[in-house]
N, C-alpha and C. Protein backbone atom coordinates (compact mmCIF):
# COMPACT_ATOMS: atom_id res chain seq x y z
N MET A 1 -22.22 -9.34 -21.26
CA MET A 1 -23.21 -10.39 -20.85
C MET A 1 -23.40 -10.93 -22.21
N ILE A 2 -23.47 -9.96 -23.30
CA ILE A 2 -22.94 -11.18 -24.44
C ILE A 2 -21.99 -11.62 -24.64
N GLY A 3 -20.91 -10.99 -23.67
CA GLY A 3 -19.21 -11.10 -23.86
C GLY A 3 -19.61 -12.87 -22.53
N ASN A 4 -20.56 -12.86 -21.95
CA ASN A 4 -20.58 -13.74 -20.94
C ASN A 4 -20.56 -15.71 -22.20
N MET A 5 -22.53 -15.19 -22.52
CA MET A 5 -22.56 -15.85 -23.18
C MET A 5 -22.17 -16.43 -24.15
N SER A 6 -21.61 -15.50 -24.55
CA SER A 6 -20.41 -15.82 -26.18
C SER A 6 -19.12 -17.23 -25.79
N ARG A 7 -18.64 -16.60 -24.48
CA ARG A 7 -17.60 -17.38 -23.33
C ARG A 7 -18.65 -19.22 -23.34
N GLY A 8 -19.60 -19.08 -22.78
CA GLY A 8 -20.16 -19.93 -22.11
C GLY A 8 -20.92 -20.98 -22.81
N TRP A 9 -20.88 -19.97 -23.84
CA TRP A 9 -20.89 -20.91 -25.68
C TRP A 9 -19.92 -21.30 -26.45
N ARG A 10 -19.23 -21.01 -26.53
CA ARG A 10 -18.31 -21.93 -26.77
C ARG A 10 -16.98 -22.54 -26.08
N ARG A 11 -17.59 -22.55 -25.37
CA ARG A 11 -17.05 -23.58 -24.10
C ARG A 11 -17.72 -24.67 -23.82
N TRP A 12 -19.33 -24.95 -23.71
CA TRP A 12 -20.55 -25.97 -23.86
C TRP A 12 -20.42 -26.59 -25.31
N ALA A 13 -20.37 -25.99 -26.84
CA ALA A 13 -19.83 -26.89 -28.20
C ALA A 13 -18.45 -27.05 -28.34
N ALA A 14 -17.69 -26.30 -26.84
CA ALA A 14 -16.05 -27.43 -27.78
C ALA A 14 -16.27 -28.72 -26.73
N HIS A 15 -16.93 -29.03 -26.14
CA HIS A 15 -17.07 -30.18 -24.76
C HIS A 15 -17.84 -31.01 -25.10
N ASN A 16 -18.57 -30.21 -26.47
CA ASN A 16 -20.03 -31.06 -26.25
C ASN A 16 -19.41 -31.43 -28.78
N ARG A 17 -18.78 -30.97 -28.88
CA ARG A 17 -19.02 -31.59 -31.02
C ARG A 17 -19.27 -32.52 -30.64
N VAL A 18 -18.37 -33.87 -30.36
CA VAL A 18 -18.53 -34.69 -29.76
C VAL A 18 -19.67 -35.75 -30.13
N ARG A 19 -20.38 -35.33 -29.67
CA ARG A 19 -21.40 -35.95 -28.86
C ARG A 19 -22.94 -34.63 -30.10
N VAL A 20 -22.40 -34.20 -30.44
CA VAL A 20 -23.50 -33.38 -31.33
C VAL A 20 -23.36 -34.44 -32.56
N THR A 21 -21.38 -33.72 -33.11
CA THR A 21 -21.42 -34.77 -34.82
C THR A 21 -22.19 -35.69 -34.77
N MET A 22 -21.69 -37.05 -33.62
CA MET A 22 -22.56 -38.45 -33.57
C MET A 22 -24.31 -37.83 -33.70
N LEU A 23 -24.35 -37.20 -33.42
CA LEU A 23 -26.43 -37.24 -33.44
C LEU A 23 -26.76 -36.44 -35.27
N PHE A 24 -25.50 -35.59 -35.48
CA PHE A 24 -26.10 -35.60 -37.02
C PHE A 24 -26.07 -36.58 -37.19
N ALA A 25 -24.84 -37.87 -36.96
CA ALA A 25 -23.78 -38.37 -38.26
C ALA A 25 -25.50 -40.03 -37.93
N VAL A 26 -26.13 -39.91 -36.75
CA VAL A 26 -26.83 -40.52 -37.11
C VAL A 26 -28.37 -40.40 -37.83
N ALA A 27 -28.46 -38.85 -38.10
CA ALA A 27 -29.57 -38.32 -38.82
C ALA A 27 -29.42 -38.19 -39.81
N TYR A 28 -27.98 -38.26 -40.37
CA TYR A 28 -27.46 -38.41 -41.66
C TYR A 28 -27.66 -39.45 -42.15
N VAL A 29 -27.30 -40.63 -41.56
CA VAL A 29 -27.64 -41.96 -42.18
C VAL A 29 -28.89 -43.28 -42.52
N ALA A 30 -29.75 -42.50 -41.06
CA ALA A 30 -31.20 -42.19 -41.60
C ALA A 30 -31.94 -42.00 -42.58
N PHE A 31 -31.22 -40.48 -43.15
CA PHE A 31 -32.29 -39.76 -44.00
C PHE A 31 -31.96 -39.33 -44.90
N THR A 32 -30.09 -40.27 -45.79
CA THR A 32 -30.12 -40.22 -46.82
C THR A 32 -30.07 -41.08 -47.81
N GLU A 33 -30.00 -40.51 -49.02
CA GLU A 33 -30.07 -41.86 -50.04
C GLU A 33 -28.44 -41.43 -50.77
N PRO A 34 -27.69 -42.15 -50.70
CA PRO A 34 -26.03 -42.38 -51.50
C PRO A 34 -26.36 -41.88 -53.13
N SER A 35 -25.97 -42.29 -53.39
CA SER A 35 -25.59 -41.94 -55.13
C SER A 35 -24.20 -42.59 -55.16
N ALA A 36 -23.49 -43.67 -56.47
CA ALA A 36 -22.69 -44.65 -56.78
C ALA A 36 -21.32 -43.70 -56.79
N ARG A 37 -21.57 -43.16 -58.08
CA ARG A 37 -21.03 -41.04 -57.91
C ARG A 37 -20.26 -40.98 -56.83
N GLY A 38 -21.39 -40.07 -55.79
CA GLY A 38 -20.90 -39.42 -54.29
C GLY A 38 -19.88 -40.48 -53.70
N LEU A 39 -20.25 -42.22 -54.00
CA LEU A 39 -19.84 -42.94 -52.99
C LEU A 39 -18.49 -42.51 -53.38
N ILE A 40 -18.30 -42.73 -54.60
CA ILE A 40 -17.08 -43.07 -55.35
C ILE A 40 -15.70 -41.52 -54.34
N VAL A 41 -16.58 -40.07 -54.69
CA VAL A 41 -15.94 -39.48 -54.64
C VAL A 41 -15.45 -38.94 -52.74
N ALA A 42 -16.39 -39.51 -52.51
CA ALA A 42 -16.85 -39.42 -50.25
C ALA A 42 -16.08 -40.22 -49.81
N ALA A 43 -14.99 -41.15 -50.55
CA ALA A 43 -14.41 -42.17 -49.89
C ALA A 43 -12.90 -41.65 -50.55
N VAL A 44 -13.32 -41.35 -51.26
CA VAL A 44 -11.50 -40.17 -51.54
C VAL A 44 -11.47 -39.26 -50.58
N LEU A 45 -12.51 -38.28 -50.18
CA LEU A 45 -12.78 -37.53 -48.84
C LEU A 45 -11.51 -37.58 -48.16
N VAL A 46 -13.12 -38.89 -47.28
CA VAL A 46 -12.99 -39.20 -45.46
C VAL A 46 -11.90 -40.29 -45.55
N ALA A 47 -10.89 -40.77 -46.58
CA ALA A 47 -9.80 -41.07 -46.61
C ALA A 47 -8.68 -40.41 -47.09
N SER A 48 -8.65 -39.51 -47.46
CA SER A 48 -8.22 -38.55 -47.35
C SER A 48 -7.63 -37.23 -45.53
N GLY A 49 -9.56 -37.09 -45.93
CA GLY A 49 -9.18 -36.61 -43.84
C GLY A 49 -9.08 -37.40 -43.24
N GLN A 50 -8.51 -38.67 -42.84
CA GLN A 50 -8.86 -39.22 -42.64
C GLN A 50 -7.12 -39.70 -41.87
N SER A 51 -6.33 -39.61 -43.68
CA SER A 51 -5.36 -39.56 -43.57
C SER A 51 -4.53 -38.63 -43.12
N LEU A 52 -5.14 -37.34 -42.46
CA LEU A 52 -4.03 -36.23 -41.94
C LEU A 52 -4.34 -36.21 -41.05
N ARG A 53 -5.23 -36.34 -40.51
CA ARG A 53 -6.49 -36.49 -39.19
C ARG A 53 -4.99 -38.29 -38.09
N MET A 54 -5.15 -39.32 -38.76
CA MET A 54 -4.12 -40.18 -38.13
C MET A 54 -2.29 -39.52 -38.46
N TRP A 55 -1.98 -38.21 -39.53
CA TRP A 55 -0.74 -38.10 -39.47
C TRP A 55 -0.26 -37.03 -38.20
N ALA A 56 -1.39 -36.47 -38.00
CA ALA A 56 -1.75 -34.73 -37.00
C ALA A 56 -1.48 -35.78 -35.48
N SER A 57 -2.28 -37.08 -35.18
CA SER A 57 -2.08 -38.13 -34.13
C SER A 57 -1.48 -37.85 -34.28
N GLY A 58 -0.42 -38.88 -35.06
CA GLY A 58 0.90 -39.83 -34.57
C GLY A 58 1.91 -38.76 -34.06
N CYS A 59 1.93 -36.99 -34.81
CA CYS A 59 2.37 -35.94 -34.27
C CYS A 59 2.03 -35.57 -32.78
N LEU A 60 0.67 -35.39 -32.16
CA LEU A 60 0.83 -34.93 -30.94
C LEU A 60 0.77 -35.28 -30.12
N GLN A 61 1.22 -34.62 -29.08
CA GLN A 61 1.83 -35.45 -27.60
C GLN A 61 0.97 -34.03 -26.46
N ARG A 62 -0.16 -34.34 -26.60
CA ARG A 62 -1.09 -33.48 -25.86
C ARG A 62 -0.69 -32.91 -24.11
N ASN A 63 -0.57 -32.02 -24.12
CA ASN A 63 -0.34 -31.00 -23.31
C ASN A 63 1.09 -31.42 -22.82
N VAL A 64 1.97 -32.07 -23.15
CA VAL A 64 3.30 -32.28 -22.91
C VAL A 64 4.27 -30.98 -24.22
N LYS A 65 4.47 -31.23 -25.25
CA LYS A 65 5.34 -30.82 -26.22
C LYS A 65 3.78 -29.33 -26.51
N LEU A 66 4.13 -28.41 -27.63
CA LEU A 66 3.75 -28.05 -28.69
C LEU A 66 4.01 -28.81 -30.42
N ALA A 67 2.67 -29.13 -30.59
CA ALA A 67 2.66 -29.91 -32.05
C ALA A 67 3.20 -28.58 -33.16
N CYS A 68 3.92 -28.66 -33.81
CA CYS A 68 4.05 -27.95 -34.11
C CYS A 68 5.10 -28.79 -35.78
N SER A 69 5.06 -30.04 -35.54
CA SER A 69 6.11 -30.70 -36.70
C SER A 69 5.19 -31.56 -37.70
N GLY A 70 5.24 -32.04 -38.89
CA GLY A 70 4.39 -32.58 -39.15
C GLY A 70 3.54 -31.89 -39.71
N PRO A 71 1.96 -32.60 -39.99
CA PRO A 71 1.10 -31.51 -40.52
C PRO A 71 1.01 -29.94 -39.62
N TYR A 72 1.34 -30.25 -38.24
CA TYR A 72 1.18 -28.62 -37.97
C TYR A 72 1.79 -27.59 -38.42
N ALA A 73 3.10 -27.96 -38.91
CA ALA A 73 4.03 -27.24 -39.38
C ALA A 73 3.31 -26.24 -40.55
N PHE A 74 1.70 -27.06 -41.14
CA PHE A 74 1.47 -26.48 -42.19
C PHE A 74 0.07 -25.60 -41.31
N VAL A 75 -1.08 -26.15 -40.68
CA VAL A 75 -1.97 -25.71 -39.98
C VAL A 75 -1.98 -25.86 -38.88
N ARG A 76 -2.98 -25.41 -38.05
CA ARG A 76 -2.85 -25.59 -36.55
C ARG A 76 -3.40 -26.07 -35.90
N HIS A 77 -4.58 -26.64 -36.55
CA HIS A 77 -5.63 -27.39 -37.17
C HIS A 77 -5.94 -28.41 -37.83
N PRO A 78 -4.47 -29.19 -37.74
CA PRO A 78 -4.82 -30.44 -38.55
C PRO A 78 -5.91 -31.12 -38.48
N LEU A 79 -6.20 -31.80 -37.13
CA LEU A 79 -7.52 -33.30 -36.40
C LEU A 79 -9.10 -32.42 -37.73
N TYR A 80 -9.13 -31.01 -36.82
CA TYR A 80 -10.59 -30.61 -37.64
C TYR A 80 -10.35 -29.78 -38.86
N LEU A 81 -9.40 -30.44 -39.63
CA LEU A 81 -9.51 -29.45 -41.20
C LEU A 81 -9.14 -31.11 -41.84
N GLY A 82 -8.93 -31.84 -41.32
CA GLY A 82 -9.69 -33.78 -41.30
C GLY A 82 -11.23 -33.61 -41.03
N SER A 83 -11.30 -33.55 -40.17
CA SER A 83 -12.66 -33.79 -40.24
C SER A 83 -13.58 -33.14 -41.02
N LEU A 84 -12.96 -31.94 -41.37
CA LEU A 84 -13.77 -31.07 -42.10
C LEU A 84 -13.90 -31.72 -43.40
N ILE A 85 -12.40 -31.83 -44.03
CA ILE A 85 -12.73 -32.81 -45.06
C ILE A 85 -13.57 -34.14 -45.57
N MET A 86 -13.85 -35.08 -44.01
CA MET A 86 -14.43 -35.62 -43.85
C MET A 86 -15.30 -35.03 -44.36
N GLY A 87 -16.42 -34.72 -43.13
CA GLY A 87 -17.66 -34.09 -43.52
C GLY A 87 -17.90 -33.50 -44.82
N ILE A 88 -17.45 -32.51 -45.67
CA ILE A 88 -17.59 -32.55 -46.90
C ILE A 88 -17.58 -34.13 -47.95
N GLY A 89 -16.86 -34.62 -47.44
CA GLY A 89 -16.93 -36.20 -48.37
C GLY A 89 -18.09 -36.27 -48.01
N LEU A 90 -18.52 -37.13 -46.57
CA LEU A 90 -20.06 -37.85 -47.21
C LEU A 90 -21.20 -36.48 -47.06
N ALA A 91 -21.31 -35.17 -46.95
CA ALA A 91 -22.59 -34.70 -47.51
C ALA A 91 -22.06 -34.39 -49.19
N VAL A 92 -21.24 -35.34 -49.67
CA VAL A 92 -21.59 -35.24 -51.77
C VAL A 92 -20.98 -36.87 -51.98
N ALA A 93 -22.05 -37.99 -50.74
CA ALA A 93 -22.06 -38.71 -51.17
C ALA A 93 -23.78 -39.02 -51.53
N VAL A 94 -24.75 -38.30 -50.93
CA VAL A 94 -25.44 -38.43 -50.72
C VAL A 94 -26.28 -37.62 -51.99
N GLN A 95 -27.26 -37.46 -52.50
CA GLN A 95 -28.23 -36.81 -53.60
C GLN A 95 -29.56 -36.16 -52.80
N PRO A 96 -29.86 -35.12 -52.43
CA PRO A 96 -28.76 -34.39 -53.13
C PRO A 96 -27.23 -33.77 -52.16
N PRO A 97 -26.42 -33.42 -52.58
CA PRO A 97 -25.00 -32.54 -51.25
C PRO A 97 -25.62 -31.92 -51.26
N TYR A 98 -26.32 -31.04 -51.49
CA TYR A 98 -26.82 -29.73 -51.47
C TYR A 98 -27.25 -29.14 -49.10
N TRP A 99 -27.83 -29.73 -49.16
CA TRP A 99 -28.94 -29.48 -48.48
C TRP A 99 -27.66 -29.86 -47.33
N TRP A 100 -27.00 -30.70 -47.37
CA TRP A 100 -26.86 -31.86 -46.38
C TRP A 100 -25.02 -31.17 -46.00
N LEU A 101 -24.38 -30.77 -46.94
CA LEU A 101 -23.70 -29.79 -46.90
C LEU A 101 -23.41 -28.25 -46.51
N LEU A 102 -24.92 -28.03 -46.81
CA LEU A 102 -24.58 -26.99 -45.72
C LEU A 102 -25.15 -26.88 -44.22
N ALA A 103 -26.15 -27.83 -43.93
CA ALA A 103 -25.88 -28.07 -42.37
C ALA A 103 -24.22 -28.67 -42.09
N PHE A 104 -23.62 -29.54 -42.56
CA PHE A 104 -22.42 -29.92 -42.37
C PHE A 104 -21.44 -28.71 -41.85
N LEU A 105 -21.37 -28.03 -43.32
CA LEU A 105 -21.11 -26.67 -41.97
C LEU A 105 -21.35 -25.77 -41.42
N CYS A 106 -22.83 -25.96 -40.71
CA CYS A 106 -23.38 -25.35 -40.09
C CYS A 106 -22.69 -25.49 -38.98
N LEU A 107 -23.17 -26.91 -39.61
CA LEU A 107 -22.43 -27.53 -38.00
C LEU A 107 -21.40 -27.34 -37.28
N TYR A 108 -19.76 -27.52 -38.48
CA TYR A 108 -19.18 -27.36 -38.05
C TYR A 108 -18.13 -26.04 -37.14
N VAL A 109 -18.71 -24.78 -38.30
CA VAL A 109 -18.50 -23.79 -38.04
C VAL A 109 -19.58 -23.57 -36.40
N ALA A 110 -20.37 -23.81 -36.67
CA ALA A 110 -21.32 -23.68 -35.35
C ALA A 110 -20.79 -24.46 -33.89
N PHE A 111 -19.92 -25.80 -34.00
CA PHE A 111 -18.94 -26.61 -32.95
C PHE A 111 -17.97 -26.33 -32.68
N TYR A 112 -17.12 -26.48 -33.86
CA TYR A 112 -15.70 -26.81 -34.51
C TYR A 112 -14.60 -25.78 -34.47
N GLY A 113 -15.79 -24.56 -34.99
CA GLY A 113 -15.28 -23.13 -34.45
C GLY A 113 -14.63 -22.25 -33.25
N PRO A 114 -15.60 -22.65 -32.31
CA PRO A 114 -15.30 -22.84 -31.27
C PRO A 114 -14.72 -23.62 -30.18
N ALA A 115 -14.43 -24.40 -30.18
CA ALA A 115 -14.21 -25.37 -29.78
C ALA A 115 -12.21 -25.38 -30.39
N MET A 116 -12.13 -25.06 -31.82
CA MET A 116 -10.50 -24.64 -31.81
C MET A 116 -9.93 -23.29 -30.76
N HIS A 117 -11.67 -21.94 -30.76
CA HIS A 117 -11.22 -21.00 -29.85
C HIS A 117 -10.66 -21.59 -28.35
N VAL A 118 -11.24 -22.47 -27.77
CA VAL A 118 -10.90 -22.26 -26.90
C VAL A 118 -9.73 -23.05 -26.23
N GLU A 119 -9.55 -24.30 -27.65
CA GLU A 119 -7.93 -24.98 -28.13
C GLU A 119 -6.69 -23.91 -27.96
N GLU A 120 -6.95 -22.92 -28.31
CA GLU A 120 -6.16 -21.82 -28.59
C GLU A 120 -6.18 -21.24 -27.54
N LEU A 121 -7.02 -20.46 -27.23
CA LEU A 121 -6.77 -19.72 -25.53
C LEU A 121 -5.92 -21.05 -24.56
N ARG A 122 -6.51 -22.36 -24.84
CA ARG A 122 -5.80 -23.28 -23.44
C ARG A 122 -4.21 -23.01 -24.31
N LEU A 123 -3.43 -23.73 -24.97
CA LEU A 123 -2.43 -23.65 -26.29
C LEU A 123 -1.46 -22.59 -25.17
N GLN A 124 -2.47 -21.67 -25.61
CA GLN A 124 -1.34 -20.68 -24.93
C GLN A 124 -1.34 -20.46 -23.07
N SER A 125 -2.11 -20.05 -22.98
CA SER A 125 -1.55 -20.70 -21.21
C SER A 125 -0.75 -20.97 -20.62
N LEU A 126 -0.85 -22.53 -21.19
CA LEU A 126 0.41 -23.90 -21.63
C LEU A 126 2.23 -23.36 -22.12
N PHE A 127 1.96 -22.88 -23.17
CA PHE A 127 2.53 -22.37 -24.04
C PHE A 127 3.10 -21.25 -24.66
N GLY A 128 3.24 -20.43 -24.01
CA GLY A 128 2.84 -19.14 -23.49
C GLY A 128 3.72 -18.26 -25.19
N SER A 129 4.56 -17.04 -25.12
CA SER A 129 4.49 -16.65 -26.01
C SER A 129 5.15 -17.74 -27.18
N GLU A 130 5.42 -19.14 -27.24
CA GLU A 130 6.34 -19.62 -28.76
C GLU A 130 4.47 -20.13 -29.14
N TYR A 131 3.37 -20.30 -28.52
CA TYR A 131 2.21 -20.34 -29.18
C TYR A 131 1.61 -18.95 -30.05
N GLN A 132 2.08 -17.68 -29.02
CA GLN A 132 1.60 -16.63 -30.07
C GLN A 132 2.76 -16.90 -31.36
N GLU A 133 3.79 -16.79 -30.73
CA GLU A 133 4.38 -16.51 -32.41
C GLU A 133 3.71 -17.86 -33.29
N TYR A 134 3.89 -19.37 -33.39
CA TYR A 134 3.12 -20.02 -33.71
C TYR A 134 1.81 -19.91 -34.22
N MET A 135 1.30 -18.89 -33.73
CA MET A 135 -0.15 -18.59 -33.85
C MET A 135 0.19 -17.59 -35.36
N THR A 136 1.36 -16.66 -35.10
CA THR A 136 1.17 -15.97 -36.23
C THR A 136 2.26 -16.28 -37.67
N ASP A 137 2.69 -17.33 -37.67
CA ASP A 137 3.50 -17.73 -38.45
C ASP A 137 2.17 -19.07 -39.14
N VAL A 138 1.79 -19.42 -38.26
CA VAL A 138 0.79 -21.15 -39.32
C VAL A 138 -1.04 -20.70 -39.04
N GLY A 139 -1.41 -20.88 -40.39
CA GLY A 139 -2.79 -20.11 -40.02
C GLY A 139 -3.73 -21.90 -39.83
N ARG A 140 -4.84 -20.99 -39.20
CA ARG A 140 -5.96 -22.05 -38.15
C ARG A 140 -6.69 -23.55 -38.46
N LEU A 141 -6.87 -23.31 -40.57
CA LEU A 141 -7.26 -24.09 -40.65
C LEU A 141 -6.45 -24.28 -42.75
N TRP A 142 -6.60 -22.59 -42.70
CA TRP A 142 -5.66 -22.37 -44.63
C TRP A 142 -4.62 -23.14 -44.36
N PRO A 143 -3.75 -23.45 -44.58
CA PRO A 143 -2.13 -24.39 -44.34
C PRO A 143 -1.51 -22.98 -45.11
N ARG A 144 -0.42 -22.15 -44.49
CA ARG A 144 0.62 -21.58 -44.74
C ARG A 144 1.71 -22.07 -44.97
N PHE A 145 2.89 -22.17 -46.07
CA PHE A 145 4.36 -22.95 -46.34
C PHE A 145 5.16 -22.53 -45.24
N ALA A 146 5.35 -21.02 -45.76
CA ALA A 146 6.40 -20.00 -45.57
C ALA A 146 7.06 -20.64 -44.92
N HIS A 147 6.88 -20.83 -43.17
CA HIS A 147 6.93 -21.20 -41.88
C HIS A 147 7.75 -22.46 -41.53
N ALA A 148 6.90 -23.57 -42.52
CA ALA A 148 6.71 -24.50 -42.06
C ALA A 148 8.54 -25.81 -42.02
N GLU A 149 9.02 -24.96 -42.28
CA GLU A 149 10.62 -25.83 -42.43
C GLU A 149 11.41 -24.66 -41.11
N ARG A 150 11.03 -24.22 -40.63
CA ARG A 150 11.16 -23.24 -39.34
C ARG A 150 10.79 -24.04 -38.04
N TRP A 151 9.33 -24.43 -38.03
CA TRP A 151 8.82 -25.05 -37.05
C TRP A 151 8.52 -26.89 -37.28
N SER A 152 8.82 -27.03 -38.05
CA SER A 152 9.18 -29.10 -38.60
C SER A 152 10.64 -28.70 -37.45
N GLN A 153 11.81 -27.76 -37.76
CA GLN A 153 12.88 -27.81 -36.58
C GLN A 153 13.31 -27.75 -35.10
N ALA A 154 12.01 -27.03 -34.97
CA ALA A 154 11.27 -26.18 -34.03
C ALA A 154 11.05 -27.72 -32.53
N HIS A 155 11.57 -29.25 -32.95
CA HIS A 155 10.90 -29.50 -32.01
C HIS A 155 10.47 -30.74 -32.25
N PRO A 156 12.22 -31.06 -32.96
CA PRO A 156 12.02 -32.29 -34.19
C PRO A 156 12.40 -33.73 -33.24
N GLY A 157 11.30 -33.86 -32.22
CA GLY A 157 10.90 -34.72 -31.66
C GLY A 157 9.16 -35.09 -31.46
N ASN A 158 9.09 -34.54 -32.51
CA ASN A 158 7.58 -34.38 -32.69
C ASN A 158 7.19 -35.21 -33.75
N THR A 159 8.35 -36.16 -33.99
CA THR A 159 8.00 -36.78 -35.61
C THR A 159 6.69 -38.11 -35.45
N PHE A 160 6.48 -38.51 -36.16
CA PHE A 160 5.31 -39.61 -36.32
C PHE A 160 5.38 -40.16 -35.67
N SER A 161 4.24 -41.19 -35.05
CA SER A 161 4.25 -42.58 -34.32
C SER A 161 2.96 -42.97 -34.75
N TRP A 162 2.95 -44.07 -34.99
CA TRP A 162 2.04 -45.09 -34.33
C TRP A 162 0.99 -45.13 -33.66
N LYS A 163 2.52 -45.43 -32.26
CA LYS A 163 2.01 -45.62 -31.04
C LYS A 163 0.83 -44.60 -30.29
N ARG A 164 1.44 -43.08 -31.37
CA ARG A 164 1.16 -42.02 -30.33
C ARG A 164 -0.30 -41.70 -30.87
N ALA A 165 -0.26 -42.19 -32.46
CA ALA A 165 -1.69 -42.30 -32.96
C ALA A 165 -2.94 -43.35 -32.39
N LEU A 166 -2.17 -44.25 -31.54
CA LEU A 166 -3.46 -44.70 -31.44
C LEU A 166 -3.50 -45.04 -29.84
N ASP A 167 -2.55 -43.76 -29.19
CA ASP A 167 -2.41 -43.20 -27.56
C ASP A 167 -3.99 -42.34 -27.77
N ASN A 168 -3.80 -41.80 -29.03
CA ASN A 168 -4.48 -40.66 -28.99
C ASN A 168 -5.81 -41.53 -29.78
N LYS A 169 -6.18 -42.17 -29.45
CA LYS A 169 -7.87 -42.70 -30.45
C LYS A 169 -7.98 -42.49 -31.97
N GLU A 170 -7.27 -42.10 -32.77
CA GLU A 170 -7.69 -41.65 -33.84
C GLU A 170 -8.10 -42.79 -34.35
N LEU A 171 -7.84 -44.98 -33.85
CA LEU A 171 -8.78 -45.32 -34.69
C LEU A 171 -9.98 -45.59 -34.61
N ARG A 172 -10.30 -44.22 -33.56
CA ARG A 172 -12.41 -44.60 -33.42
C ARG A 172 -12.61 -43.62 -34.43
N SER A 173 -12.18 -42.63 -35.08
CA SER A 173 -12.50 -42.04 -35.71
C SER A 173 -12.51 -42.92 -37.32
N ALA A 174 -11.29 -43.57 -37.54
CA ALA A 174 -11.69 -44.57 -38.25
C ALA A 174 -12.71 -44.98 -39.15
N ALA A 175 -12.79 -45.39 -37.97
CA ALA A 175 -13.38 -47.01 -37.73
C ALA A 175 -15.03 -46.47 -37.63
N ALA A 176 -14.89 -45.30 -37.41
CA ALA A 176 -16.30 -44.40 -37.75
C ALA A 176 -16.25 -43.87 -39.35
N MET A 177 -15.28 -43.87 -39.62
CA MET A 177 -15.21 -43.06 -40.72
C MET A 177 -16.01 -44.43 -41.76
N ALA A 178 -16.03 -45.68 -41.38
CA ALA A 178 -15.86 -46.50 -42.32
C ALA A 178 -16.99 -47.49 -41.92
N MET A 179 -17.61 -47.31 -41.26
CA MET A 179 -18.89 -47.53 -40.86
C MET A 179 -19.86 -46.66 -41.59
N LEU A 180 -19.59 -45.41 -41.49
CA LEU A 180 -20.57 -44.83 -42.12
C LEU A 180 -20.99 -45.18 -43.90
N LEU A 181 -19.37 -45.18 -44.44
CA LEU A 181 -19.39 -44.79 -45.59
C LEU A 181 -20.05 -46.74 -46.04
N ILE A 182 -19.31 -47.95 -45.28
CA ILE A 182 -19.78 -49.20 -45.51
C ILE A 182 -21.79 -49.15 -45.48
N ILE A 183 -22.24 -48.74 -44.56
CA ILE A 183 -23.59 -48.57 -44.35
C ILE A 183 -24.45 -47.64 -45.14
N GLN A 184 -23.01 -46.54 -46.28
CA GLN A 184 -24.34 -45.77 -47.65
C GLN A 184 -24.55 -46.44 -48.45
N ALA A 185 -22.47 -47.51 -48.56
CA ALA A 185 -22.83 -48.25 -49.57
C ALA A 185 -23.44 -49.81 -49.19
N ILE A 186 -24.47 -50.02 -47.96
CA ILE A 186 -25.35 -51.29 -48.28
C ILE A 186 -26.39 -50.52 -48.82
N LYS A 187 -26.41 -49.43 -48.35
CA LYS A 187 -28.15 -48.68 -48.74
C LYS A 187 -28.07 -48.89 -50.61
N LEU A 188 -27.14 -48.96 -50.66
CA LEU A 188 -26.80 -48.79 -52.56
C LEU A 188 -27.73 -50.12 -53.24
N LEU A 189 -27.47 -51.70 -52.15
CA LEU A 189 -27.60 -52.68 -52.67
C LEU A 189 -29.28 -52.76 -53.19
């Protein structure tokens, strides 16, 4: 029973993580007061996280090839790592940042953790033993550098492409992050 509930939650959380994150963003805009210093730090973190996401999206050929070059050579989920960095950035933009940081981390663990699990199950079914080996060598969210060169060379065709990044709709994330930072900056005026 608990296993079924857990599996059901993982699927629901993975499917609805973006919707819940959007609701969180609305609450963030409505109930926060930014600080000038925090907004500068946030802009750096958001730009870093979004750059990682863009790089990862440009190397990703969903359901066609195992993405294991570019940022995927170091971390299995660079898109989620980029989202984590951006969320931390947005949290430090406001005063006091602690409650928003805690709320974001709870949201991240509750929704993005299950999403990573569901995605890994899907990738194991698509790519079999190759993905199993990749999981052994490459960290989920914490980069590992020992096998990066090996995995980069395993799929040389997975180099960065702006077309792939655009096809993977990464501009939506960039636009949303820019909008959140602009709204917070306007609140300072």
